[in-house]
Protein backbone atom coordinates (compact mmCIF):
# COMPACT_ATOMS: atom_id res chain seq x y z
CA MET A 1 121.53 100.69 91.05
CA LYS A 2 123.28 99.05 93.94
CA LYS A 3 125.38 96.12 92.84
CA ILE A 4 124.29 92.75 94.06
CA ASN A 5 126.41 91.37 96.88
CA LEU A 6 127.52 88.01 95.62
CA ILE A 7 128.50 86.67 99.04
CA VAL A 8 126.39 87.55 102.06
CA SER A 9 127.65 86.51 105.48
CA ALA A 10 126.19 83.38 107.05
CA LEU A 11 125.22 85.41 110.08
CA LEU A 12 123.13 87.76 107.93
CA LEU A 13 121.40 84.82 106.29
CA CYS A 14 120.52 83.33 109.66
CA GLY A 15 119.08 86.67 110.70
CA MET A 16 116.96 86.77 107.56
CA LEU A 17 115.62 83.31 108.19
CA LEU A 18 114.70 84.14 111.75
CA SER A 19 113.13 87.50 110.98
CA CYS A 20 111.12 86.20 108.05
CA GLY A 21 109.97 83.10 109.86
CA ASN A 22 111.20 80.79 107.21
CA GLY A 23 113.34 78.07 106.16
CA LYS A 24 112.99 75.45 103.53
CA TYR A 25 110.67 75.30 100.61
CA ASP A 26 109.45 71.73 100.82
CA ASP A 27 106.80 71.52 98.11
CA ILE A 28 109.12 70.72 95.22
CA SER A 29 107.82 68.99 92.14
CA THR A 30 110.50 66.58 91.01
CA ASP A 31 110.38 63.38 89.04
CA PRO A 32 113.03 60.95 90.37
CA ALA A 33 112.92 59.07 87.10
CA VAL A 34 114.10 62.19 85.32
CA LEU A 35 116.62 63.35 87.88
CA GLU A 36 119.71 61.31 87.15
CA THR A 37 121.50 62.67 90.21
CA ALA A 38 118.53 63.25 92.52
CA ASP A 39 120.18 61.37 95.38
CA VAL A 40 123.47 63.32 95.33
CA GLY A 41 122.46 66.59 93.69
CA ILE A 42 124.29 68.19 90.78
CA THR A 43 128.04 67.75 90.48
CA ALA A 44 130.35 70.39 89.05
CA GLU A 45 130.74 68.27 85.93
CA GLU A 46 126.98 68.19 85.46
CA MET A 47 126.64 71.92 86.17
CA ALA A 48 128.88 72.58 83.18
CA SER A 49 125.97 71.48 80.98
CA TYR A 50 123.65 74.17 82.33
CA GLU A 51 122.88 77.54 80.78
CA LEU A 52 121.42 80.60 82.46
CA ILE A 53 118.07 81.92 81.20
CA ARG A 54 116.37 85.25 81.91
CA PRO A 55 113.07 86.67 80.57
CA ASP A 56 113.29 88.08 77.06
CA LYS A 57 111.64 91.37 78.10
CA ALA A 58 113.47 91.72 81.39
CA SER A 59 113.92 95.13 83.00
CA LYS A 60 117.38 96.66 83.16
CA GLU A 61 117.51 95.89 86.86
CA LEU A 62 116.73 92.21 86.29
CA ILE A 63 119.28 92.01 83.48
CA ARG A 64 121.90 93.43 85.85
CA THR A 65 120.93 90.84 88.45
CA ALA A 66 121.17 87.96 85.96
CA THR A 67 124.48 89.26 84.66
CA SER A 68 125.85 89.31 88.22
CA VAL A 69 124.91 85.65 88.63
CA VAL A 70 126.54 84.78 85.31
CA THR A 71 129.72 86.62 86.31
CA ALA A 72 129.88 84.71 89.59
CA LEU A 73 129.19 81.29 88.05
CA ARG A 74 131.67 81.79 85.23
CA GLU A 75 134.45 81.78 87.79
CA ASP A 76 133.78 78.04 87.99
CA PHE A 77 132.25 77.53 84.54
CA PRO A 78 133.91 79.90 82.03
CA ASP A 79 131.82 78.58 79.13
CA LEU A 80 128.45 79.01 80.87
CA ASN A 81 125.93 80.11 78.23
CA TYR A 82 123.64 83.05 79.03
CA ARG A 83 120.60 84.07 76.99
CA SER A 84 116.97 85.16 77.15
CA ASP A 85 114.04 82.74 77.25
CA TYR A 86 113.07 83.43 73.63
CA TYR A 87 112.89 80.14 71.76
CA ARG A 88 112.11 78.88 68.29
CA GLU A 89 111.33 75.33 67.31
CA GLY A 90 113.93 73.75 65.04
CA VAL A 91 116.71 76.23 65.86
CA ASP A 92 119.25 74.63 68.17
CA THR A 93 120.60 77.90 69.58
CA LEU A 94 117.05 79.04 70.39
CA ALA A 95 115.67 75.74 71.65
CA ILE A 96 114.51 75.10 75.22
CA GLY A 97 117.38 73.30 76.89
CA ARG A 98 117.11 70.40 79.29
CA TYR A 99 119.51 71.89 81.84
CA GLU A 100 118.73 75.52 82.65
CA ILE A 101 119.06 77.97 85.53
CA LEU A 102 115.93 80.13 85.30
CA ILE A 103 116.08 83.63 86.77
CA GLY A 104 112.82 85.50 87.32
CA ALA A 105 109.51 84.95 85.56
CA THR A 106 110.74 83.16 82.44
CA ASN A 107 108.35 81.54 79.98
CA ARG A 108 109.35 78.06 81.17
CA PRO A 109 106.64 76.09 83.01
CA GLU A 110 109.03 75.45 85.90
CA SER A 111 109.19 79.20 86.58
CA ALA A 112 105.39 79.43 86.60
CA GLU A 113 105.16 76.41 88.93
CA PHE A 114 107.61 77.88 91.44
CA LEU A 115 106.15 81.39 91.30
CA GLY A 116 102.71 79.88 91.80
CA SER A 117 103.90 78.66 95.20
CA LEU A 118 105.15 82.12 96.21
CA ARG A 119 103.16 85.01 97.55
CA ALA A 120 103.98 88.63 96.71
CA ASP A 121 107.03 89.15 98.94
CA ASP A 122 108.30 85.56 99.01
CA TYR A 123 111.49 84.65 97.18
CA GLY A 124 113.96 81.81 96.92
CA PHE A 125 115.28 79.04 94.70
CA SER A 126 114.47 75.41 94.01
CA ARG A 127 115.21 72.57 91.65
CA ILE A 128 112.24 71.44 89.55
CA GLY A 129 113.00 68.57 87.24
CA ASP A 130 116.32 69.34 85.60
CA LYS A 131 115.86 73.12 86.02
CA ILE A 132 117.05 75.36 88.84
CA VAL A 133 114.53 78.15 89.40
CA ILE A 134 115.57 81.37 91.16
CA ALA A 135 112.61 83.71 91.48
CA GLY A 136 110.37 86.20 93.24
CA HIS A 137 107.50 88.35 92.01
CA SER A 138 109.52 91.58 91.69
CA ASP A 139 112.96 92.62 90.51
CA ASP A 140 113.92 93.28 94.11
CA THR A 141 112.90 89.85 95.36
CA VAL A 142 114.57 88.16 92.39
CA ALA A 143 117.78 89.97 93.33
CA LYS A 144 117.44 88.73 96.91
CA ALA A 145 116.78 85.19 95.66
CA CYS A 146 119.96 85.35 93.57
CA GLU A 147 121.93 86.45 96.64
CA LEU A 148 120.60 83.43 98.54
CA PHE A 149 121.49 81.10 95.69
CA LEU A 150 125.04 82.39 95.28
CA GLU A 151 125.72 82.25 98.98
CA ALA A 152 124.35 78.71 99.19
CA VAL A 153 126.66 77.65 96.36
CA GLU A 154 129.61 79.41 97.97
CA ASN A 155 129.00 77.82 101.38
CA ARG A 156 127.95 74.33 100.28
CA LEU A 157 129.03 71.64 102.72
CA ASN A 158 129.91 69.01 100.13
CA PRO A 159 132.54 70.42 97.76
CA GLY A 160 132.03 67.48 95.42
CA VAL A 161 128.39 68.46 94.82
CA TYR A 162 127.76 71.88 93.32
CA TYR A 163 124.03 71.96 94.03
CA GLN A 164 121.91 69.78 96.28
CA GLU A 165 118.35 69.98 97.48
CA ASP A 166 119.12 70.73 101.12
CA MET A 167 120.46 74.11 99.96
CA GLU A 168 117.04 75.14 98.70
CA THR A 169 115.46 78.07 100.52
CA VAL A 170 112.35 80.22 100.36
CA ILE A 171 111.99 83.36 102.47
CA ARG A 172 108.37 84.06 103.33
CA GLY A 173 106.94 87.58 103.63
CA GLU A 174 104.41 88.87 106.12
CA TYR A 175 100.85 89.69 105.06
CA ALA A 176 97.82 91.34 106.62
CA LEU A 177 95.67 88.29 105.87
CA ASP A 178 96.48 84.61 105.88
CA ALA A 179 93.58 83.87 103.53
CA LEU A 180 91.04 85.78 101.47
CA SER A 181 87.94 84.27 99.88
CA LEU A 182 85.42 85.79 97.48
CA GLY A 183 82.00 84.17 97.68
CA GLY A 184 83.58 81.19 99.44
CA ILE A 185 86.24 80.71 96.74
CA GLN A 186 89.89 81.22 97.67
CA VAL A 187 91.14 84.36 95.93
CA GLN A 188 94.13 82.53 94.42
CA GLU A 189 91.67 80.57 92.27
CA PHE A 190 90.60 83.77 90.48
CA GLU A 191 92.14 85.40 87.45
CA ILE A 192 91.87 89.10 86.62
CA ARG A 193 90.61 89.78 83.13
CA TYR A 194 90.53 93.24 81.54
CA GLY A 195 88.56 94.92 78.76
CA ASP A 196 89.62 96.55 75.52
CA ARG A 197 90.02 100.18 76.63
CA ASP A 198 93.61 101.34 76.91
CA TYR A 199 93.31 101.97 80.65
CA ASP A 200 91.48 98.75 81.59
CA GLU A 201 94.77 96.85 81.74
CA THR A 202 96.32 99.48 84.03
CA ALA A 203 93.33 99.22 86.38
CA ALA A 204 93.55 95.41 86.29
CA TYR A 205 97.15 95.49 87.45
CA LYS A 206 96.18 97.95 90.17
CA LEU A 207 93.60 95.41 91.36
CA ARG A 208 96.26 92.69 91.41
CA GLU A 209 98.54 95.00 93.42
CA LYS A 210 95.82 95.72 95.99
CA ILE A 211 94.94 92.04 96.44
CA ALA A 212 98.62 91.18 96.83
CA GLU A 213 99.00 93.90 99.46
CA ALA A 214 96.09 92.41 101.42
CA CYS A 215 96.96 88.74 101.35
CA GLY A 216 100.09 88.22 99.26
CA TYR A 217 98.49 86.24 96.45
CA VAL A 218 99.56 87.45 93.00
CA LEU A 219 96.77 86.75 90.52
CA ASN A 220 97.19 86.16 86.82
CA VAL A 221 96.18 89.16 84.68
CA THR A 222 94.95 88.40 81.18
CA GLU A 223 92.86 89.87 78.38
CA ASP A 224 91.32 86.63 77.18
CA GLY A 225 91.80 83.98 79.84
CA ASP A 226 89.53 81.01 80.42
CA GLY A 227 89.57 80.73 84.21
CA GLU A 228 86.47 79.53 86.01
CA HIS A 229 86.52 82.39 88.54
CA VAL A 230 87.05 85.89 87.19
CA LEU A 231 87.48 89.44 88.43
CA TYR A 232 86.65 91.41 85.29
CA VAL A 233 87.89 94.99 84.97
CA GLY A 234 86.23 96.90 82.14
CA LYS A 235 83.06 98.32 80.65
CA THR A 236 80.06 96.05 80.05
CA ASP A 237 76.66 96.51 78.40
CA THR A 238 74.92 96.36 81.77
CA ALA A 239 77.16 98.92 83.46
CA ALA A 240 75.94 102.42 84.20
CA ALA A 241 76.55 105.05 81.52
CA ASP A 242 78.62 107.05 83.97
CA GLY A 243 80.19 106.46 87.35
CA ILE A 244 80.98 103.08 88.94
CA THR A 245 79.22 99.71 88.72
CA LEU A 246 80.05 96.52 90.61
CA SER A 247 78.14 93.45 89.35
CA TYR A 248 78.22 90.08 91.08
CA THR A 249 77.89 86.66 89.45
CA GLU A 250 78.50 83.08 90.52
CA ARG A 251 81.84 83.24 88.75
CA GLY A 252 83.06 86.47 90.32
CA VAL A 253 82.82 90.25 90.07
CA THR A 254 82.74 92.79 87.25
CA LEU A 255 84.24 96.17 88.15
CA SER A 256 83.15 98.80 85.62
CA GLY A 257 83.91 102.49 85.29
CA ALA A 258 82.62 104.84 82.63
CA ASP A 259 86.02 106.48 82.13
CA ARG A 260 89.64 106.18 83.23
CA LEU A 261 89.07 107.73 86.65
CA SER A 262 85.84 105.85 87.35
CA GLN A 263 87.46 102.56 86.36
CA MET A 264 90.30 103.10 88.79
CA GLN A 265 87.81 104.19 91.46
CA ALA A 266 85.89 100.93 90.98
CA VAL A 267 89.06 99.03 91.77
CA LEU A 268 89.74 101.16 94.84
CA TYR A 269 86.16 100.69 96.05
CA PHE A 270 86.56 96.91 95.86
CA ASP A 271 89.85 97.21 97.73
CA ASP A 272 88.07 99.23 100.42
CA MET A 273 85.53 96.40 100.73
CA ILE A 274 88.36 94.01 101.50
CA GLY A 275 89.97 96.43 103.93
CA SER A 276 86.69 97.10 105.74
CA ALA A 277 85.96 93.37 106.11
CA ALA A 278 89.47 92.79 107.46
CA GLU A 279 89.06 95.56 110.04
CA LYS A 280 85.75 94.14 111.26
CA SER A 281 87.02 90.59 111.54
CA GLU A 282 89.01 89.23 114.45
CA GLU A 283 90.34 86.48 112.19
CA ARG A 284 93.20 86.61 109.70
CA SER A 285 91.02 84.82 107.15
CA ILE A 286 88.01 86.61 105.66
CA ASP A 287 85.36 86.00 103.04
CA ILE A 288 83.76 88.73 100.90
CA ALA A 289 80.17 87.88 100.02
CA LEU A 290 79.32 87.98 96.31
CA PRO A 291 75.51 88.26 96.02
CA ALA A 292 75.07 86.73 92.57
CA GLY A 293 72.70 88.63 90.29
CA GLN A 294 73.06 91.90 92.20
CA SER A 295 74.94 95.09 91.36
CA GLU A 296 75.69 98.39 93.05
CA ASN A 297 76.70 101.88 91.99
CA PRO A 298 78.86 103.40 94.74
CA GLU A 299 79.60 107.11 94.77
CA PRO A 300 83.16 107.98 93.65
CA ASP A 301 85.35 109.47 96.36
CA TYR A 302 88.45 111.35 95.27
CA ASP A 303 90.41 114.57 95.70
CA VAL A 304 91.56 116.43 92.58
CA MET A 305 95.07 117.82 92.99
CA SER A 306 97.26 119.92 90.73
CA ALA A 307 100.92 120.41 89.83
CA MET A 308 102.94 122.78 87.66
CA SER A 309 106.37 122.86 86.04
CA PHE A 310 107.80 126.32 85.34
CA ASN A 311 111.17 127.45 83.97
CA VAL A 312 111.23 131.05 85.20
CA LEU A 313 114.42 132.10 83.27
CA TYR A 314 117.34 132.98 85.52
CA LYS A 315 117.80 136.61 84.46
CA ASP A 316 115.92 139.83 85.20
CA PRO A 317 113.79 138.55 88.12
CA GLU A 318 113.05 142.05 89.50
CA ASN A 319 111.18 143.02 86.32
CA ARG A 320 109.29 139.77 85.85
CA TYR A 321 108.57 138.23 89.21
CA GLU A 322 105.14 139.84 89.51
CA ARG A 323 103.99 138.21 86.28
CA VAL A 324 105.48 134.86 87.36
CA VAL A 325 103.77 135.05 90.75
CA LYS A 326 100.48 136.06 89.11
CA ILE A 327 100.35 133.12 86.71
CA ILE A 328 101.19 130.76 89.56
CA GLY A 329 98.39 132.35 91.57
CA ASN A 330 95.94 132.05 88.69
CA TYR A 331 96.35 128.26 88.67
CA SER A 332 97.14 127.84 92.37
CA PRO A 333 98.87 124.46 91.95
CA ASP A 334 99.16 122.29 95.04
CA THR A 335 102.82 121.77 94.14
CA PHE A 336 105.08 123.29 91.53
CA GLY A 337 108.69 122.90 90.48
CA VAL A 338 110.79 125.79 89.19
CA GLN A 339 113.87 125.67 87.00
CA GLU A 340 116.56 128.34 86.51
CA ALA A 341 115.58 129.82 89.87
CA ALA A 342 118.72 131.79 90.69
CA PRO A 343 119.15 132.89 94.35
CA MET A 344 117.39 136.23 93.72
CA TRP A 345 114.44 134.34 92.26
CA MET A 346 114.22 132.21 95.36
CA THR A 347 114.25 135.28 97.58
CA LEU A 348 111.45 136.93 95.62
CA LEU A 349 109.31 133.82 95.19
CA ASN A 350 109.56 132.91 98.85
CA ARG A 351 108.74 136.48 99.87
CA GLU A 352 105.62 136.59 97.72
CA LEU A 353 104.39 133.02 98.29
CA LYS A 354 105.43 132.13 101.84
CA ASP A 355 101.93 132.59 103.26
CA THR A 356 100.70 129.73 101.07
CA TYR A 357 103.75 127.69 100.11
CA ALA A 358 106.83 126.19 101.72
CA TYR A 359 109.71 125.00 99.55
CA VAL A 360 112.62 122.56 99.53
CA GLY A 361 115.82 122.62 97.50
CA ASN A 362 119.37 123.92 97.22
CA GLY A 363 121.40 125.57 94.48
CA ARG A 364 123.19 123.39 91.96
CA ASP A 365 126.59 124.68 93.07
CA GLY A 366 125.95 123.80 96.71
CA GLY A 367 123.91 125.43 99.48
CA THR A 368 122.52 128.73 98.23
CA GLN A 369 124.88 128.92 95.24
CA GLY A 370 123.65 128.52 91.68
CA GLU A 371 120.23 127.89 90.21
CA TYR A 372 117.63 125.93 92.17
CA ASN A 373 115.25 123.20 91.06
CA ALA A 374 113.07 123.97 94.06
CA ILE A 375 109.73 122.33 94.85
CA PHE A 376 107.00 124.50 96.39
CA TYR A 377 104.08 122.85 98.17
CA LYS A 378 100.97 124.14 99.91
CA LYS A 379 101.54 124.18 103.65
CA ASP A 380 97.89 123.54 104.50
CA LYS A 381 97.71 120.45 102.29
CA PHE A 382 100.98 118.58 102.85
CA THR A 383 103.45 117.61 105.54
CA LEU A 384 107.05 117.16 104.44
CA ILE A 385 108.38 113.65 105.21
CA GLU A 386 111.71 113.65 103.38
CA SER A 387 113.53 115.83 100.87
CA GLY A 388 116.89 116.40 99.26
CA THR A 389 118.82 117.81 96.33
CA ARG A 390 121.02 115.40 94.39
CA TYR A 391 123.38 115.59 91.43
CA LEU A 392 122.63 113.71 88.22
CA THR A 393 125.83 111.66 88.41
CA ASP A 394 127.31 108.51 89.91
CA THR A 395 128.06 110.56 93.05
CA PRO A 396 124.64 112.16 93.65
CA LYS A 397 125.43 113.53 97.11
CA ARG A 398 128.63 115.27 96.05
CA LYS A 399 128.83 118.32 93.80
CA SER A 400 129.57 116.82 90.41
CA LYS A 401 128.59 116.58 86.76
CA VAL A 402 128.86 114.02 83.99
CA PRO A 403 131.82 114.82 81.69
CA GLU A 404 129.63 115.89 78.77
CA SER A 405 127.54 118.34 80.79
CA SER A 406 128.31 122.05 80.58
CA LEU A 407 127.07 122.68 84.14
CA ASN A 408 126.28 120.88 87.35
CA ARG A 409 122.80 119.43 86.98
CA ILE A 410 120.57 118.45 89.87
CA TYR A 411 117.16 117.20 90.90
CA THR A 412 115.24 118.03 94.04
CA TYR A 413 112.76 115.62 95.58
CA ALA A 414 110.11 115.91 98.27
CA LEU A 415 108.19 113.03 99.80
CA LEU A 416 104.97 114.65 101.01
CA GLU A 417 102.07 113.34 103.05
CA LYS A 418 98.57 114.67 102.52
CA ILE A 419 97.20 116.09 105.74
CA SER A 420 93.64 115.04 104.88
CA ASP A 421 94.15 111.32 104.37
CA GLY A 422 97.80 110.43 105.06
CA GLU A 423 98.51 109.44 101.45
CA LYS A 424 102.17 109.89 100.50
CA ILE A 425 103.36 111.11 97.13
CA LEU A 426 106.84 111.79 95.75
CA PHE A 427 107.51 115.01 93.84
CA VAL A 428 110.71 115.38 91.81
CA ASN A 429 111.90 118.44 89.88
CA THR A 430 114.90 118.69 87.56
CA HIS A 431 116.65 120.54 84.73
CA PHE A 432 118.83 118.63 82.24
CA ASP A 433 121.87 119.92 80.37
CA HIS A 434 121.19 122.20 77.40
CA THR A 435 124.23 121.39 75.25
CA SER A 436 124.75 117.63 74.99
CA ASP A 437 122.48 114.72 74.05
CA ILE A 438 124.93 112.33 75.66
CA ALA A 439 124.87 114.29 78.91
CA ARG A 440 121.06 114.35 78.95
CA THR A 441 120.83 110.62 78.35
CA LYS A 442 123.23 109.93 81.21
CA GLN A 443 121.35 112.35 83.46
CA ALA A 444 118.06 110.68 82.57
CA LYS A 445 119.51 107.29 83.48
CA HIS A 446 120.55 108.51 86.93
CA LEU A 447 117.14 110.08 87.45
CA ALA A 448 115.30 106.92 86.37
CA GLU A 449 117.32 104.85 88.82
CA PHE A 450 116.33 107.22 91.62
CA LEU A 451 112.65 106.99 90.65
CA LEU A 452 112.80 103.20 90.77
CA GLU A 453 114.13 103.38 94.33
CA TYR A 454 110.91 105.19 95.32
CA SER A 455 108.55 103.17 93.12
CA GLU A 456 106.36 102.27 96.11
CA TYR A 457 104.99 105.83 96.00
CA PRO A 458 102.96 107.69 93.37
CA ILE A 459 105.38 110.01 91.55
CA VAL A 460 105.00 113.41 89.92
CA LEU A 461 108.12 114.46 87.99
CA THR A 462 108.42 118.03 86.67
CA GLY A 463 111.22 119.61 84.72
CA ASP A 464 112.86 121.31 81.80
CA PHE A 465 114.43 118.29 80.14
CA ASN A 466 115.92 120.13 77.14
CA THR A 467 114.91 117.20 74.96
CA ALA A 468 111.94 116.23 72.83
CA SER A 469 109.68 113.21 73.20
CA GLY A 470 111.15 110.14 71.55
CA SER A 471 114.78 111.10 72.19
CA ALA A 472 117.17 108.73 73.95
CA ALA A 473 116.99 110.83 77.12
CA TYR A 474 113.19 110.92 77.03
CA GLU A 475 112.98 107.15 76.60
CA GLU A 476 115.42 106.69 79.47
CA ILE A 477 113.14 108.74 81.74
CA LEU A 478 110.29 106.34 80.96
CA GLU A 479 112.46 103.52 82.30
CA GLY A 480 111.84 105.05 85.71
CA GLY A 481 108.24 103.85 85.54
CA VAL A 482 106.63 107.16 84.56
CA GLU A 483 104.64 108.42 81.58
CA ASN A 484 104.10 111.85 80.02
CA SER A 485 100.96 113.42 81.52
CA MET A 486 99.97 114.90 78.17
CA ASN A 487 99.64 111.37 76.78
CA LEU A 488 97.42 110.29 79.68
CA ALA A 489 95.16 113.30 80.16
CA SER A 490 91.45 113.05 79.47
CA GLU A 491 91.48 116.73 78.51
CA LYS A 492 94.60 118.24 76.99
CA GLU A 493 95.80 121.57 75.63
CA PRO A 494 99.24 120.93 74.15
CA GLY A 495 101.58 123.60 72.87
CA SER A 496 105.16 124.75 72.68
CA THR A 497 106.76 125.00 76.10
CA TYR A 498 109.97 126.83 75.16
CA THR A 499 109.06 129.75 72.92
CA ASN A 500 111.93 132.18 73.63
CA TYR A 501 109.28 134.93 73.53
CA GLY A 502 107.90 133.78 70.20
CA LYS A 503 111.17 132.77 68.53
CA SER A 504 110.95 129.01 69.15
CA LYS A 505 108.35 126.24 69.16
CA SER A 506 110.06 123.53 71.18
CA VAL A 507 108.34 121.09 73.52
CA ILE A 508 110.97 120.27 76.14
CA ASP A 509 109.14 120.80 79.45
CA PHE A 510 107.06 117.91 80.78
CA ILE A 511 105.23 116.56 83.78
CA PHE A 512 105.59 112.80 84.12
CA VAL A 513 103.54 110.63 86.49
CA THR A 514 103.29 106.96 87.44
CA GLU A 515 100.37 105.81 85.32
CA GLU A 516 99.38 102.94 87.61
CA ASP A 517 98.92 105.33 90.54
CA ILE A 518 97.75 108.62 89.06
CA VAL A 519 94.84 109.48 86.76
CA VAL A 520 95.44 112.74 84.89
CA ASN A 521 92.19 114.62 84.34
CA SER A 522 93.73 117.48 82.37
CA CYS A 523 97.08 118.69 81.11
CA ARG A 524 97.73 122.05 79.48
CA VAL A 525 100.53 124.33 78.42
CA CYS A 526 99.79 127.74 79.96
CA GLY A 527 100.62 130.00 77.03
CA GLU A 528 98.71 133.12 78.07
CA LYS A 529 100.27 136.53 78.60
CA ILE A 530 100.13 138.30 81.95
CA ASP A 531 99.66 142.07 81.82
CA GLY A 532 100.42 141.97 78.10
CA GLU A 533 103.71 140.05 78.41
CA TYR A 534 104.82 136.45 78.75
CA PRO A 535 106.11 135.75 82.25
CA SER A 536 109.12 133.79 80.97
CA ASP A 537 110.72 132.38 77.83
CA HIS A 538 109.12 129.06 78.84
CA HIS A 539 105.40 128.44 79.30
CA PRO A 540 104.36 126.55 82.44
CA VAL A 541 102.91 123.05 82.15
CA TYR A 542 99.96 122.38 84.47
CA ILE A 543 98.06 119.20 85.34
CA GLU A 544 95.05 118.26 87.43
CA TYR A 545 95.10 114.67 88.65
CA VAL A 546 93.78 112.16 91.16
CA ASN A 547 96.04 109.99 93.28
CA CYS A 548 94.56 106.50 92.98
CA ASN A 549 97.19 104.66 94.93
């Protein structure tokens, strides 16, 4: 991840303020009776009493951000304490302190108060009571808020005061709608509540994401809240046995789906209602009617797509390529990633498949040298937007390997746009080292960081990872925001993926997807023989899925 710039130029800050249309955050809740130095701010002597607090379950990116702030502040306050927001009554070292710098969505009420004033892309910092709150609704906006804070401290006009209220800043984002109401009630007064199925929560967060995209308001998501106005995501007794049901009450809307896909489709249908109303209105404020006591059962609308991961085995392509091409043709995946595709393999595969597929990728030793982790995609279904081949190291654009790796290891990515509807999706294909657990864990870390950079898109990740589920490398991959398709699939046919022609029973090939964007209908290991022989020492992994982004 890119390191946080601790000091941004004043010119850049001015540009940000102008471009974002913002300046001060002026709705600060402070109690002058509590603020001993409210008139002059916080002196350096008083700042020495503060400690820095981050969320207990913070992401690695947020921890890096908080650590950067600590590092900067300790130049002035070497004894600055830094800890998570976990607390326990009666334990001094785990108590909630009076003087705290809160980074991100901590469990302190001051964080909730400040975040409640911010829309999805807003970020900044403020003093609330005796706490300094630095926050945004995402890791990225928290990092930007921390940059603002550190620059403000660095460039303060009064050197005798370390922090004062006229430094406080909030940068406001831009949103499609200024206001959104549901049945005459402002959407920010609703909470999203989800049911008890394992995918109801995922669909609830998708609903929050869609509402935030429309108007910027980030709703609270809960399983057992007590809000007066509710958007409920989950199955109910009155919902249809299959398909989608939207039921309207005076308190809100119930969005029900009979299964994982239908539940996500119910959310997307409601989002389409908002989008359609916005398109028809000439105003930037809209209201969605909620006819209490009524319900509807819209028809689902989705396109089932497919993907495959296939280690073709580098050697002997002339004698096996027909079987490899035939099994690919039998499944006809919309995209597939190959591993161990030596240059001769690429020549043969492209020759046999070029009428249907285009491909992207380079060899791991540069250009056409070494094995490829190529991605093939159907030319009549996708348009290529961006692609590249990178090394799984700190220098991804230069031929390199981590010290523990026996070979250069790469990943290829392709950002594709569906011709039919313009939806974009990121495909990534890789092959980890086969000799070292340490190398694989490092490679997984680099890959996860890349995935996070493209987290705005649905992601399909294929590969031979040379590691089993539950390993350190496997867990590191999950940090990239993806999940194993086999764990998500409604229908599944698991099996060994590396068999070495019957001599092994390892499961080391996977297809990962972003669970909040993609519903996996089926996942199977393709263990059949072709013309009496296995096509490779690895079996392909194949999924059928729906992009619900």
